[in-house]
């Protein structure tokens, strides 16, 4: 069995549990990056172990902290409720029965002024590691262990070629590319893992491609300035 040091000692974090605290904070933080900024309300549907024992591990506070951009090793995590209030962000928590998923799974719903909603489902799988499993109902597999691009786009011929062209022009090497869709010819989701840090302007360049609905860049090892 292959084990990393994080499997043995866990991540650097604030809180008692790598899965219920650090993992959930990271999960919500990555989910917020995918959903987009300037949401006014967020709700968390807690499934399985997160619903049953999460309160004692500070899971609700960790989830809220991550959603508003606080990292899992930041002391500000302890005051997540105060920071959310200062940002005028409403929040709520409820128990959810989710099908065919890890016991440490949460469904996060972000709401915006224009009535738009984004639904991100993911799991904290131990040692501070996570996986995003659904985005607006579409199956995904985003671990955020390496630089990642997440795209929502129309399911049309030539899209993969156009995406690859932009990344080649930006000198970005594709490690893994996964394309998924629910209905042929409707919307598709493409997840790309790369070998190097992704410049922030890549998202805007990708969004200029006809048929791209949304582009999100995740550089998990590099903290944003808050």
Foldseek 3Di string as FASTA:
>chain_A
DDDDVLQPPFDQFPWDFLFLAQQLLQVLLVVLLVFDDAFQEKEKAWAAPCVVPSVVGVNVLSNLCSNVAHHGNDPCSVVSVVVCVVVNHYYYYHYDYDPDDDRAKMWMWTAHPVGDIKIWIKGRDGRSWIFTQDIRRWGDTDGLPAKKKKWKFFQDPPLVVVLVVLCVVVVWDWDDWDKTDDDHRGMIMIMTGTDDADDPCSFVVSCVDPGTDGMGIRGPVDGDDD
